[in-house]
Amino acid sequence: MKIVTIVGARPQFIKAVPVSRAIRKYNQEGRGSQITEIMVHTGQHYDYGMSQVFFEELGISEPHVNLGVGSGSHGWQTAQMLMQIEELLLAEKPDWVIVYGDTNSTVAGALAAVKLQIPLAHVEAGLRSFNREMPEEHNRVLTDHCSDLLFCPTQTAVQNLQKEGFSNIVNNGQLVDTCFNRSPITDHGPLVVNVGDTMYDAVLQFSEIACQRSTVLQDLGVKSKGYLLATVHRPYNTDIPENLRNILTAFLEIGEPVIFPIHPRTRQRIAALDGLFKSQLENCNVEFLDPVGYLDMLVLERNARLILTDSGGMQKEAYFFGVPCVTLRPETEWIETVQAGWNVVVGTEPSLIIDKALNMQPPQSERGAFGDGYAGERILHTLKNSLP
């Protein structure tokens, strides 16, 4: 069996690691015919945290193919990826194409596969923010409705797909047990499987390694639970000066140390703010850092008192580590973290950000919504047994 995996951003590589690891393990054990995986990086995100160090610290190989598409408008970028992915798929003739998440790379890979009638699997299927102004929301919906296998990270994602008319659901949408029993694809349409979240698999695999290797806390001179961790990168927050100013104002007024690894786009937008405001950001409680590696970020997340972010991935990682999270967006696709009390959605109103940052306490609820760390194995098992 040959699989083409299409990724375009650092978080997607991390999501893909558990599946790639399951493939390597299967091949090493010699339980059947070998599985070939061809990892394709579209180059949608480039240079940001994607150096040789990134692959070395995760112990994974660099992509077999890098399309080098780079930045551009949504239409231009997606079109460039679609053309090049189509050419690659025609040459490789894979049995499956796997796409992850909700980026332009995701929808380009999905469209290329479905137009060539190559079976398509979507990992992180069924997520919905219900905000149609988000490009990611359209990418999610389009990709799900192109896919033959929809690998959901949670029961909520399964329910979202049920509401959209998907009915061929394994085990009534519950997490498939560890023996990976399932039924093959039938004439009832695409198969929906709650496999758990591959990001949880990755955190379980790498968090202990991170604690052993990372010296980021010592380098920054901070102690566990002695700081807040912040990230801001979404256009909603970076491209609207008022929203960015509100968020930074809240960080200043919180008063506690705020560690802020800063996205290149965010740094550019801050530089464009007026000089008087920028002067307030000098010698304050906010420590601006260049982007950090994955292992360093895991350590920073695990040891933060609280996380402030507009990142979907960090909302989940905060939940995994049992760290309260304040989401700097008007909505979230990870509603399970909110329902469990570990996450609160506040938008960009400074008073709300400050109130939750100062007063939010860890709840007593369980944190089991994202599976048990075997999502990669479940995905591989289902792929092997689901070829049309």
Foldseek 3Di string as FASTA:
>chain_A
DEEEEEDEDDVQVLQCVLQVVLLVVCVVVCPDDHYHYAYEYAPQDPPQQPDPVQCVLLVHDDGPYYNNLYDDDLVSSLVSLLVVLLVVCVVPVGQEYEYEAFDSRLQSNLVSCLVVVRAYEYAQAQFAFVDVVDSSRVSRVNSNVSHQEYEHQFLNSVVSVVVVPQDQEWPNSDAQDPVLDTDADDPSGRYYHHPFGSSLLSCVVQQVVLVVPDPVCVVVVHFFQQEEEEEEDDCVQQVDLVLVLLQVVLVQVLQGAYEYQYDPSNVVSLVPDDPVSNVSVPPTSYDYHHDDHPSNVLVCLLRHQEYEYQDLSSLVSNLSNQHAYEHQQQTHSPCVCVVQQRYDYDHRHSVSSSCCVVDRDRDPGDRCRRHDSCSSVSVVVNSVRHRD
